Amino acid sequence: MRGDRLFITVMLGPALIFLALFYLWPMVENLRVSFTDLTLLRLRVGGQWIGLANYEEFITSPETGRLMMNTFIWLTAISVAVRLLLGLAIALIVNTPLVRHLRLATLARIAILVPWATPPVVAIIIWRWLLEAPNGALNSVLLALGIIDTPIAFLADLRTVWPSVIAIVVWNTVPLIALSLLASLQAVPADLYEAAELDGATRSAKFWHITLPFLKPTIVVLGLTSVFWTFNNFVYVWLATGAGPGTFTNVLATEIYIRSFVDFRLGYGAAIGIVMALIMAVFGYFYFRMIGRRQIEEVL
């Protein structure tokens, strides 16, 4: 028994050293920097210890409320909800008997994979071209159809900028959710639907009492992991809007970049990073309570 433990420790040793060097040490160093006034202009000199001043400044800043709302509500909650609903709708459509009868299921899967296979940077460039004013493709179509009289600056108008950013995020990330839910749909036992039909169940009743409960574990896992992926995301907002117009779409991730590499305040940016890490740690705790523990129990 003791020999097995020693063998496991030796085998895991290199991986643990790697994790310590590339994850633990940067986290500890970032925590240390967050208590200093370190700037890019004084890297060699180093920053002076200022305690919790960076955290106090962030908490009392008038911009913090908007940052939190943009990050929690717009970037995370709304985009994740839209992804789940749209992904479920796509999976249900692809799984219909009509699509299978017309032999379009394979073509539909390929079409779904195209956005997912597109790198985020490329996807954002494509969408910026589509949404450009006045000569973007979407404006041209809307003007030709007479839906609008003047071009809309989708990524500069306060009324349309967040829906536009969410559209980019959803287009690029919804395929994974759709394909995952499609796989779960195809695993639902056909006997359940046949028994429900014999009992006179309607299509909506079968969806609410068979399909949705069967998909619930997959939806929960996809929802929680999507929150992890989205909350810390920097690319979509920064490349689409540059956190603008002004700071209207600024989120925590872009705020770290602005404070650290535009204002040169590395200490303040590190403090915001620690706040984000603490928020994700709390979320990770609940994720483990809901999902991780169950998976560990199944393995054991």
C-alpha atoms as a PDB file:
ATOM      1  CA  MET A   1       0.000   0.000   0.000  1.00  0.00           C
ATOM      2  CA  ARG A   2       2.792   2.379   0.955  1.00  0.00           C
ATOM      3  CA  GLY A   3       4.701   1.362  -2.165  1.00  0.00           C
ATOM      4  CA  ASP A   4       1.679   2.180  -4.345  1.00  0.00           C
ATOM      5  CA  ARG A   5       1.429   5.628  -2.802  1.00  0.00           C
ATOM      6  CA  LEU A   6       5.122   6.254  -3.405  1.00  0.00           C
ATOM      7  CA  PHE A   7       4.783   5.124  -7.016  1.00  0.00           C
ATOM      8  CA  ILE A   8       1.757   7.407  -7.567  1.00  0.00           C
ATOM      9  CA  THR A   9       3.604  10.333  -5.973  1.00  0.00           C
ATOM     10  CA  VAL A  10       6.659   9.810  -8.182  1.00  0.00           C
ATOM     11  CA  MET A  11       4.510   9.552 -11.312  1.00  0.00           C
ATOM     12  CA  LEU A  12       2.540  12.685 -10.447  1.00  0.00           C
ATOM     13  CA  GLY A  13       5.640  14.616  -9.409  1.00  0.00           C
ATOM     14  CA  PRO A  14       6.531  16.118 -12.817  1.00  0.00           C
ATOM     15  CA  ALA A  15       2.927  17.184 -13.435  1.00  0.00           C
ATOM     16  CA  LEU A  16       2.717  18.795  -9.982  1.00  0.00           C
ATOM     17  CA  ILE A  17       5.983  20.650 -10.558  1.00  0.00           C
ATOM     18  CA  PHE A  18       4.686  21.849 -13.940  1.00  0.00           C
ATOM     19  CA  LEU A  19       1.442  23.085 -12.368  1.00  0.00           C
ATOM     20  CA  ALA A  20       3.352  24.846  -9.594  1.00  0.00           C
ATOM     21  CA  LEU A  21       5.666  26.608 -12.056  1.00  0.00           C
ATOM     22  CA  PHE A  22       3.074  27.666 -14.612  1.00  0.00           C
ATOM     23  CA  TYR A  23      -0.025  28.190 -12.447  1.00  0.00           C
ATOM     24  CA  LEU A  24       0.694  28.454  -8.732  1.00  0.00           C
ATOM     25  CA  TRP A  25       3.746  30.722  -8.925  1.00  0.00           C
ATOM     26  CA  PRO A  26       2.125  33.279 -11.301  1.00  0.00           C
ATOM     27  CA  MET A  27      -0.964  33.343  -9.056  1.00  0.00           C
ATOM     28  CA  VAL A  28       1.142  34.042  -5.947  1.00  0.00           C
ATOM     29  CA  GLU A  29       3.172  36.677  -7.811  1.00  0.00           C
ATOM     30  CA  ASN A  30       0.002  38.337  -9.117  1.00  0.00           C
ATOM     31  CA  LEU A  31      -1.367  38.441  -5.571  1.00  0.00           C
ATOM     32  CA  ARG A  32       1.833  40.090  -4.350  1.00  0.00           C
ATOM     33  CA  VAL A  33       1.796  42.671  -7.152  1.00  0.00           C
ATOM     34  CA  SER A  34      -1.825  43.555  -6.338  1.00  0.00           C
ATOM     35  CA  PHE A  35      -0.646  44.984  -2.998  1.00  0.00           C
ATOM     36  CA  THR A  36       1.858  47.314  -4.684  1.00  0.00           C
ATOM     37  CA  ASP A  37       1.800  50.384  -6.922  1.00  0.00           C
ATOM     38  CA  LEU A  38       3.925  48.669  -9.599  1.00  0.00           C
ATOM     39  CA  THR A  39       3.753  50.267 -13.051  1.00  0.00           C
ATOM     40  CA  LEU A  40       5.134  49.341 -16.456  1.00  0.00           C
ATOM     41  CA  LEU A  41       7.462  52.333 -16.238  1.00  0.00           C
ATOM     42  CA  ARG A  42       9.029  51.060 -12.993  1.00  0.00           C
ATOM     43  CA  LEU A  43       9.412  47.355 -13.599  1.00  0.00           C
ATOM     44  CA  ARG A  44      13.111  47.291 -12.714  1.00  0.00           C
ATOM     45  CA  VAL A  45      12.645  49.421  -9.620  1.00  0.00           C
ATOM     46  CA  GLY A  46       9.581  47.501  -8.457  1.00  0.00           C
ATOM     47  CA  GLY A  47       6.480  48.788  -6.764  1.00  0.00           C
ATOM     48  CA  GLN A  48       6.040  50.015  -3.233  1.00  0.00           C
ATOM     49  CA  TRP A  49       3.796  48.139  -0.819  1.00  0.00           C
ATOM     50  CA  ILE A  50       0.454  49.955  -0.511  1.00  0.00           C
ATOM     51  CA  GLY A  51      -1.658  47.257   1.134  1.00  0.00           C
ATOM     52  CA  LEU A  52      -5.322  47.160   0.158  1.00  0.00           C
ATOM     53  CA  ALA A  53      -5.305  50.546  -1.590  1.00  0.00           C
ATOM     54  CA  ASN A  54      -5.832  49.040  -5.064  1.00  0.00           C
ATOM     55  CA  TYR A  55      -8.774  46.983  -3.848  1.00  0.00           C
ATOM     56  CA  GLU A  56     -10.311  49.955  -2.046  1.00  0.00           C
ATOM     57  CA  GLU A  57      -9.977  52.071  -5.185  1.00  0.00           C
ATOM     58  CA  PHE A  58     -11.635  49.398  -7.306  1.00  0.00           C
ATOM     59  CA  ILE A  59     -14.521  48.844  -4.882  1.00  0.00           C
ATOM     60  CA  THR A  60     -15.226  52.577  -4.484  1.00  0.00           C
ATOM     61  CA  SER A  61     -14.752  53.450  -8.172  1.00  0.00           C
ATOM     62  CA  PRO A  62     -17.922  54.803  -9.837  1.00  0.00           C
ATOM     63  CA  GLU A  63     -17.140  52.585 -12.859  1.00  0.00           C
ATOM     64  CA  THR A  64     -17.205  49.334 -10.874  1.00  0.00           C
ATOM     65  CA  GLY A  65     -20.990  49.055 -10.975  1.00  0.00           C
ATOM     66  CA  ARG A  66     -21.064  49.254 -14.773  1.00  0.00           C
ATOM     67  CA  LEU A  67     -18.151  46.802 -15.023  1.00  0.00           C
ATOM     68  CA  MET A  68     -19.975  44.271 -12.873  1.00  0.00           C
ATOM     69  CA  MET A  69     -23.262  44.703 -14.740  1.00  0.00           C
ATOM     70  CA  ASN A  70     -21.582  44.365 -18.128  1.00  0.00           C
ATOM     71  CA  THR A  71     -19.618  41.295 -17.050  1.00  0.00           C
ATOM     72  CA  PHE A  72     -22.296  39.463 -15.067  1.00  0.00           C
ATOM     73  CA  ILE A  73     -25.443  40.420 -16.986  1.00  0.00           C
ATOM     74  CA  TRP A  74     -24.570  41.234 -20.593  1.00  0.00           C
ATOM     75  CA  LEU A  75     -21.428  39.228 -21.319  1.00  0.00           C
ATOM     76  CA  THR A  76     -22.186  36.201 -19.124  1.00  0.00           C
ATOM     77  CA  ALA A  77     -25.832  35.719 -18.100  1.00  0.00           C
ATOM     78  CA  ILE A  78     -27.579  36.884 -21.281  1.00  0.00           C
ATOM     79  CA  SER A  79     -25.107  35.354 -23.734  1.00  0.00           C
ATOM     80  CA  VAL A  80     -25.090  31.997 -21.901  1.00  0.00           C
ATOM     81  CA  ALA A  81     -28.903  31.931 -21.725  1.00  0.00           C
ATOM     82  CA  VAL A  82     -29.208  32.743 -25.435  1.00  0.00           C
ATOM     83  CA  ARG A  83     -26.641  30.061 -26.288  1.00  0.00           C
ATOM     84  CA  LEU A  84     -28.479  27.403 -24.300  1.00  0.00           C
ATOM     85  CA  LEU A  85     -31.889  28.265 -25.757  1.00  0.00           C
ATOM     86  CA  LEU A  86     -30.619  28.559 -29.322  1.00  0.00           C
ATOM     87  CA  GLY A  87     -28.484  25.439 -28.986  1.00  0.00           C
ATOM     88  CA  LEU A  88     -31.487  23.489 -27.723  1.00  0.00           C
ATOM     89  CA  ALA A  89     -33.637  24.777 -30.582  1.00  0.00           C
ATOM     90  CA  ILE A  90     -31.017  23.805 -33.178  1.00  0.00           C
ATOM     91  CA  ALA A  91     -30.605  20.341 -31.657  1.00  0.00           C
ATOM     92  CA  LEU A  92     -34.372  19.766 -31.663  1.00  0.00           C
ATOM     93  CA  ILE A  93     -34.667  20.865 -35.303  1.00  0.00           C
ATOM     94  CA  VAL A  94     -31.780  18.675 -36.489  1.00  0.00           C
ATOM     95  CA  ASN A  95     -33.224  15.719 -34.570  1.00  0.00           C
ATOM     96  CA  THR A  96     -36.695  15.975 -36.144  1.00  0.00           C
ATOM     97  CA  PRO A  97     -37.932  13.065 -38.302  1.00  0.00           C
ATOM     98  CA  LEU A  98     -38.320  15.412 -41.285  1.00  0.00           C
ATOM     99  CA  VAL A  99     -34.615  16.336 -41.301  1.00  0.00           C
ATOM    100  CA  ARG A 100     -33.635  12.688 -40.957  1.00  0.00           C
ATOM    101  CA  HIS A 101     -36.130  11.669 -43.669  1.00  0.00           C
ATOM    102  CA  LEU A 102     -34.663  14.227 -46.097  1.00  0.00           C
ATOM    103  CA  ARG A 103     -31.171  13.004 -45.171  1.00  0.00           C
ATOM    104  CA  LEU A 104     -30.112  16.491 -44.155  1.00  0.00           C
ATOM    105  CA  ALA A 105     -28.782  15.553 -40.718  1.00  0.00           C
ATOM    106  CA  THR A 106     -25.164  15.193 -41.865  1.00  0.00           C
ATOM    107  CA  LEU A 107     -25.315  18.434 -43.837  1.00  0.00           C
ATOM    108  CA  ALA A 108     -26.828  20.190 -40.823  1.00  0.00           C
ATOM    109  CA  ARG A 109     -24.019  18.951 -38.552  1.00  0.00           C
ATOM    110  CA  ILE A 110     -21.409  20.222 -40.994  1.00  0.00           C
ATOM    111  CA  ALA A 111     -23.151  23.605 -41.191  1.00  0.00           C
ATOM    112  CA  ILE A 112     -23.257  23.781 -37.398  1.00  0.00           C
ATOM    113  CA  LEU A 113     -19.539  23.037 -37.166  1.00  0.00           C
ATOM    114  CA  VAL A 114     -18.509  25.928 -39.441  1.00  0.00           C
ATOM    115  CA  PRO A 115     -18.937  28.720 -36.843  1.00  0.00           C
ATOM    116  CA  TRP A 116     -17.271  26.589 -34.163  1.00  0.00           C
ATOM    117  CA  ALA A 117     -14.293  25.866 -36.419  1.00  0.00           C
ATOM    118  CA  THR A 118     -13.849  29.582 -37.093  1.00  0.00           C
ATOM    119  CA  PRO A 119     -11.223  31.160 -34.780  1.00  0.00           C
ATOM    120  CA  PRO A 120     -12.718  33.920 -32.606  1.00  0.00           C
ATOM    121  CA  VAL A 121     -10.479  36.588 -34.140  1.00  0.00           C
ATOM    122  CA  VAL A 122     -11.608  35.650 -37.655  1.00  0.00           C
ATOM    123  CA  ALA A 123     -15.248  35.485 -36.540  1.00  0.00           C
ATOM    124  CA  ILE A 124     -15.052  38.980 -35.069  1.00  0.00           C
ATOM    125  CA  ILE A 125     -13.455  40.378 -38.240  1.00  0.00           C
ATOM    126  CA  ILE A 126     -16.240  38.825 -40.334  1.00  0.00           C
ATOM    127  CA  TRP A 127     -18.935  40.240 -38.068  1.00  0.00           C
ATOM    128  CA  ARG A 128     -17.341  43.688 -37.991  1.00  0.00           C
ATOM    129  CA  TRP A 129     -17.535  43.684 -41.795  1.00  0.00           C
ATOM    130  CA  LEU A 130     -21.170  42.548 -41.689  1.00  0.00           C
ATOM    131  CA  LEU A 131     -22.143  45.183 -39.112  1.00  0.00           C
ATOM    132  CA  GLU A 132     -20.090  48.038 -40.522  1.00  0.00           C
ATOM    133  CA  ALA A 133     -21.797  51.358 -41.213  1.00  0.00           C
ATOM    134  CA  PRO A 134     -22.668  52.585 -43.750  1.00  0.00           C
ATOM    135  CA  ASN A 135     -21.526  49.953 -46.263  1.00  0.00           C
ATOM    136  CA  GLY A 136     -21.687  46.753 -44.207  1.00  0.00           C
ATOM    137  CA  ALA A 137     -23.523  43.751 -45.608  1.00  0.00           C
ATOM    138  CA  LEU A 138     -26.307  43.881 -42.998  1.00  0.00           C
ATOM    139  CA  ASN A 139     -26.934  47.595 -43.525  1.00  0.00           C
ATOM    140  CA  SER A 140     -27.003  47.080 -47.289  1.00  0.00           C
ATOM    141  CA  VAL A 141     -29.638  44.340 -46.965  1.00  0.00           C
ATOM    142  CA  LEU A 142     -31.778  46.327 -44.524  1.00  0.00           C
ATOM    143  CA  LEU A 143     -31.623  49.433 -46.709  1.00  0.00           C
ATOM    144  CA  ALA A 144     -32.476  47.435 -49.837  1.00  0.00           C
ATOM    145  CA  LEU A 145     -35.519  45.914 -48.105  1.00  0.00           C
ATOM    146  CA  GLY A 146     -36.667  49.312 -46.859  1.00  0.00           C
ATOM    147  CA  ILE A 147     -36.527  48.221 -43.218  1.00  0.00           C
ATOM    148  CA  ILE A 148     -34.297  51.161 -42.277  1.00  0.00           C
ATOM    149  CA  ASP A 149     -33.831  54.611 -43.849  1.00  0.00           C
ATOM    150  CA  THR A 150     -30.307  55.336 -42.617  1.00  0.00           C
ATOM    151  CA  PRO A 151     -27.410  52.968 -41.846  1.00  0.00           C
ATOM    152  CA  ILE A 152     -27.020  51.772 -38.268  1.00  0.00           C
ATOM    153  CA  ALA A 153     -23.622  51.785 -36.565  1.00  0.00           C
ATOM    154  CA  PHE A 154     -24.303  48.504 -34.782  1.00  0.00           C
ATOM    155  CA  LEU A 155     -21.011  48.470 -32.853  1.00  0.00           C
ATOM    156  CA  ALA A 156     -21.108  52.180 -31.980  1.00  0.00           C
ATOM    157  CA  ASP A 157     -24.789  52.756 -31.155  1.00  0.00           C
ATOM    158  CA  LEU A 158     -25.588  52.332 -27.449  1.00  0.00           C
ATOM    159  CA  ARG A 159     -28.885  50.640 -28.360  1.00  0.00           C
ATOM    160  CA  THR A 160     -27.334  47.951 -30.546  1.00  0.00           C
ATOM    161  CA  VAL A 161     -23.765  47.464 -29.389  1.00  0.00           C
ATOM    162  CA  TRP A 162     -24.405  44.850 -26.690  1.00  0.00           C
ATOM    163  CA  PRO A 163     -26.877  42.810 -28.788  1.00  0.00           C
ATOM    164  CA  SER A 164     -24.261  42.876 -31.565  1.00  0.00           C
ATOM    165  CA  VAL A 165     -21.484  41.642 -29.281  1.00  0.00           C
ATOM    166  CA  ILE A 166     -23.754  38.900 -27.933  1.00  0.00           C
ATOM    167  CA  ALA A 167     -24.627  37.882 -31.501  1.00  0.00           C
ATOM    168  CA  ILE A 168     -20.922  37.439 -32.262  1.00  0.00           C
ATOM    169  CA  VAL A 169     -20.317  35.405 -29.111  1.00  0.00           C
ATOM    170  CA  VAL A 170     -23.371  33.211 -29.688  1.00  0.00           C
ATOM    171  CA  TRP A 171     -22.610  32.585 -33.376  1.00  0.00           C
ATOM    172  CA  ASN A 172     -19.079  31.458 -32.579  1.00  0.00           C
ATOM    173  CA  THR A 173     -19.855  29.317 -29.528  1.00  0.00           C
ATOM    174  CA  VAL A 174     -23.372  27.900 -29.880  1.00  0.00           C
ATOM    175  CA  PRO A 175     -22.341  24.927 -32.118  1.00  0.00           C
ATOM    176  CA  LEU A 176     -20.684  23.083 -29.231  1.00  0.00           C
ATOM    177  CA  ILE A 177     -23.849  23.378 -27.166  1.00  0.00           C
ATOM    178  CA  ALA A 178     -26.068  22.368 -30.093  1.00  0.00           C
ATOM    179  CA  LEU A 179     -23.989  19.298 -30.918  1.00  0.00           C
ATOM    180  CA  SER A 180     -23.743  18.250 -27.270  1.00  0.00           C
ATOM    181  CA  LEU A 181     -27.510  18.515 -26.829  1.00  0.00           C
ATOM    182  CA  LEU A 182     -28.051  16.709 -30.142  1.00  0.00           C
ATOM    183  CA  ALA A 183     -25.935  13.803 -28.894  1.00  0.00           C
ATOM    184  CA  SER A 184     -27.984  13.688 -25.675  1.00  0.00           C
ATOM    185  CA  LEU A 185     -31.242  13.834 -27.652  1.00  0.00           C
ATOM    186  CA  GLN A 186     -30.226  10.841 -29.736  1.00  0.00           C
ATOM    187  CA  ALA A 187     -29.498   8.910 -26.551  1.00  0.00           C
ATOM    188  CA  VAL A 188     -33.061   9.255 -25.232  1.00  0.00           C
ATOM    189  CA  PRO A 189     -34.611   5.741 -25.274  1.00  0.00           C
ATOM    190  CA  ALA A 190     -37.256   5.478 -28.008  1.00  0.00           C
ATOM    191  CA  ASP A 191     -39.319   3.246 -25.711  1.00  0.00           C
ATOM    192  CA  LEU A 192     -40.155   6.253 -23.539  1.00  0.00           C
ATOM    193  CA  TYR A 193     -41.708   8.125 -26.459  1.00  0.00           C
ATOM    194  CA  GLU A 194     -43.597   5.022 -27.623  1.00  0.00           C
ATOM    195  CA  ALA A 195     -45.025   4.473 -24.155  1.00  0.00           C
ATOM    196  CA  ALA A 196     -46.027   8.132 -23.943  1.00  0.00           C
ATOM    197  CA  GLU A 197     -47.789   7.929 -27.314  1.00  0.00           C
ATOM    198  CA  LEU A 198     -49.741   4.890 -26.147  1.00  0.00           C
ATOM    199  CA  ASP A 199     -50.866   6.937 -23.140  1.00  0.00           C
ATOM    200  CA  GLY A 200     -52.043   9.707 -25.473  1.00  0.00           C
ATOM    201  CA  ALA A 201     -49.332  12.224 -24.595  1.00  0.00           C
ATOM    202  CA  THR A 202     -49.093  15.289 -26.845  1.00  0.00           C
ATOM    203  CA  ARG A 203     -45.857  16.459 -28.458  1.00  0.00           C
ATOM    204  CA  SER A 204     -45.448  19.232 -25.889  1.00  0.00           C
ATOM    205  CA  ALA A 205     -46.096  16.792 -23.032  1.00  0.00           C
ATOM    206  CA  LYS A 206     -43.412  14.450 -24.337  1.00  0.00           C
ATOM    207  CA  PHE A 207     -40.975  17.368 -24.541  1.00  0.00           C
ATOM    208  CA  TRP A 208     -41.639  18.621 -20.999  1.00  0.00           C
ATOM    209  CA  HIS A 209     -41.849  15.238 -19.288  1.00  0.00           C
ATOM    210  CA  ILE A 210     -39.343  13.120 -21.255  1.00  0.00           C
ATOM    211  CA  THR A 211     -36.983  15.163 -23.416  1.00  0.00           C
ATOM    212  CA  LEU A 212     -36.254  18.078 -21.102  1.00  0.00           C
ATOM    213  CA  PRO A 213     -35.690  15.998 -17.913  1.00  0.00           C
ATOM    214  CA  PHE A 214     -33.373  13.720 -19.884  1.00  0.00           C
ATOM    215  CA  LEU A 215     -31.404  16.723 -21.175  1.00  0.00           C
ATOM    216  CA  LYS A 216     -31.266  18.518 -17.829  1.00  0.00           C
ATOM    217  CA  PRO A 217     -27.849  17.135 -16.695  1.00  0.00           C
ATOM    218  CA  THR A 218     -26.277  18.074 -20.033  1.00  0.00           C
ATOM    219  CA  ILE A 219     -27.856  21.543 -19.954  1.00  0.00           C
ATOM    220  CA  VAL A 220     -26.577  22.159 -16.420  1.00  0.00           C
ATOM    221  CA  VAL A 221     -23.028  21.109 -17.297  1.00  0.00           C
ATOM    222  CA  LEU A 222     -23.020  23.168 -20.510  1.00  0.00           C
ATOM    223  CA  GLY A 223     -24.432  26.176 -18.696  1.00  0.00           C
ATOM    224  CA  LEU A 224     -21.858  26.082 -15.908  1.00  0.00           C
ATOM    225  CA  THR A 225     -18.895  25.520 -18.222  1.00  0.00           C
ATOM    226  CA  SER A 226     -20.142  28.293 -20.530  1.00  0.00           C
ATOM    227  CA  VAL A 227     -20.118  30.674 -17.565  1.00  0.00           C
ATOM    228  CA  PHE A 228     -16.470  29.777 -16.918  1.00  0.00           C
ATOM    229  CA  TRP A 229     -15.517  30.318 -20.566  1.00  0.00           C
ATOM    230  CA  THR A 230     -17.426  33.592 -20.903  1.00  0.00           C
ATOM    231  CA  PHE A 231     -16.820  35.421 -17.634  1.00  0.00           C
ATOM    232  CA  ASN A 232     -13.064  35.766 -18.202  1.00  0.00           C
ATOM    233  CA  ASN A 233     -13.304  36.364 -21.941  1.00  0.00           C
ATOM    234  CA  PHE A 234     -11.350  39.295 -23.318  1.00  0.00           C
ATOM    235  CA  VAL A 235     -11.241  38.738 -27.080  1.00  0.00           C
ATOM    236  CA  TYR A 236     -14.868  39.295 -28.117  1.00  0.00           C
ATOM    237  CA  VAL A 237     -15.436  42.639 -26.413  1.00  0.00           C
ATOM    238  CA  TRP A 238     -11.993  44.097 -27.064  1.00  0.00           C
ATOM    239  CA  LEU A 239     -11.744  43.216 -30.753  1.00  0.00           C
ATOM    240  CA  ALA A 240     -15.398  44.017 -31.481  1.00  0.00           C
ATOM    241  CA  THR A 241     -15.738  47.361 -29.697  1.00  0.00           C
ATOM    242  CA  GLY A 242     -12.497  48.162 -27.861  1.00  0.00           C
ATOM    243  CA  ALA A 243     -14.705  48.391 -24.728  1.00  0.00           C
ATOM    244  CA  GLY A 244     -16.545  51.283 -26.399  1.00  0.00           C
ATOM    245  CA  PRO A 245     -18.274  53.378 -27.390  1.00  0.00           C
ATOM    246  CA  GLY A 246     -16.406  55.189 -24.628  1.00  0.00           C
ATOM    247  CA  THR A 247     -16.428  52.604 -21.852  1.00  0.00           C
ATOM    248  CA  PHE A 248     -20.004  51.447 -22.445  1.00  0.00           C
ATOM    249  CA  THR A 249     -19.078  47.791 -23.089  1.00  0.00           C
ATOM    250  CA  ASN A 250     -16.099  47.670 -20.742  1.00  0.00           C
ATOM    251  CA  VAL A 251     -15.938  44.410 -18.764  1.00  0.00           C
ATOM    252  CA  LEU A 252     -13.591  43.160 -16.059  1.00  0.00           C
ATOM    253  CA  ALA A 253     -11.229  41.442 -18.507  1.00  0.00           C
ATOM    254  CA  THR A 254     -10.858  44.531 -20.712  1.00  0.00           C
ATOM    255  CA  GLU A 255     -10.550  46.733 -17.624  1.00  0.00           C
ATOM    256  CA  ILE A 256      -7.501  44.696 -16.560  1.00  0.00           C
ATOM    257  CA  TYR A 257      -5.914  45.292 -19.960  1.00  0.00           C
ATOM    258  CA  ILE A 258      -6.703  49.017 -19.971  1.00  0.00           C
ATOM    259  CA  ARG A 259      -5.416  49.608 -16.459  1.00  0.00           C
ATOM    260  CA  SER A 260      -2.308  47.454 -16.907  1.00  0.00           C
ATOM    261  CA  PHE A 261      -1.168  48.225 -20.448  1.00  0.00           C
ATOM    262  CA  VAL A 262      -2.833  51.540 -21.317  1.00  0.00           C
ATOM    263  CA  ASP A 263      -2.605  53.297 -17.942  1.00  0.00           C
ATOM    264  CA  PHE A 264       0.536  51.234 -17.046  1.00  0.00           C
ATOM    265  CA  ARG A 265      -0.877  50.427 -13.565  1.00  0.00           C
ATOM    266  CA  LEU A 266       0.112  46.782 -13.191  1.00  0.00           C
ATOM    267  CA  GLY A 267      -0.669  46.706  -9.481  1.00  0.00           C
ATOM    268  CA  TYR A 268      -4.220  47.937  -9.981  1.00  0.00           C
ATOM    269  CA  GLY A 269      -4.766  45.548 -12.883  1.00  0.00           C
ATOM    270  CA  ALA A 270      -3.485  42.668 -10.752  1.00  0.00           C
ATOM    271  CA  ALA A 271      -5.984  43.582  -8.022  1.00  0.00           C
ATOM    272  CA  ILE A 272      -8.864  43.380 -10.508  1.00  0.00           C
ATOM    273  CA  GLY A 273      -7.523  40.015 -11.665  1.00  0.00           C
ATOM    274  CA  ILE A 274      -7.560  38.737  -8.090  1.00  0.00           C
ATOM    275  CA  VAL A 275     -11.160  39.919  -7.681  1.00  0.00           C
ATOM    276  CA  MET A 276     -12.112  38.004 -10.823  1.00  0.00           C
ATOM    277  CA  ALA A 277     -10.271  34.927  -9.553  1.00  0.00           C
ATOM    278  CA  LEU A 278     -12.145  35.084  -6.234  1.00  0.00           C
ATOM    279  CA  ILE A 279     -15.486  35.367  -8.026  1.00  0.00           C
ATOM    280  CA  MET A 280     -14.643  32.352 -10.182  1.00  0.00           C
ATOM    281  CA  ALA A 281     -13.432  30.473  -7.096  1.00  0.00           C
ATOM    282  CA  VAL A 282     -16.834  30.948  -5.458  1.00  0.00           C
ATOM    283  CA  PHE A 283     -18.543  29.845  -8.655  1.00  0.00           C
ATOM    284  CA  GLY A 284     -16.150  26.884  -8.913  1.00  0.00           C
ATOM    285  CA  TYR A 285     -17.089  25.826  -5.395  1.00  0.00           C
ATOM    286  CA  PHE A 286     -20.760  25.622  -6.335  1.00  0.00           C
ATOM    287  CA  TYR A 287     -19.826  23.897  -9.596  1.00  0.00           C
ATOM    288  CA  PHE A 288     -17.969  21.239  -7.615  1.00  0.00           C
ATOM    289  CA  ARG A 289     -20.905  20.850  -5.233  1.00  0.00           C
ATOM    290  CA  MET A 290     -23.330  20.359  -8.118  1.00  0.00           C
ATOM    291  CA  ILE A 291     -21.268  18.513 -10.733  1.00  0.00           C
ATOM    292  CA  GLY A 292     -17.772  17.601  -9.622  1.00  0.00           C
ATOM    293  CA  ARG A 293     -18.708  15.636  -6.516  1.00  0.00           C
ATOM    294  CA  ARG A 294     -21.254  13.600  -8.462  1.00  0.00           C
ATOM    295  CA  GLN A 295     -18.669  12.740 -11.118  1.00  0.00           C
ATOM    296  CA  ILE A 296     -16.120  11.709  -8.482  1.00  0.00           C
ATOM    297  CA  GLU A 297     -18.700   9.509  -6.749  1.00  0.00           C
ATOM    298  CA  GLU A 298     -19.547   7.831 -10.084  1.00  0.00           C
ATOM    299  CA  VAL A 299     -15.864   7.089 -10.714  1.00  0.00           C
ATOM    300  CA  LEU A 300     -15.368   5.700  -7.214  1.00  0.00           C
END
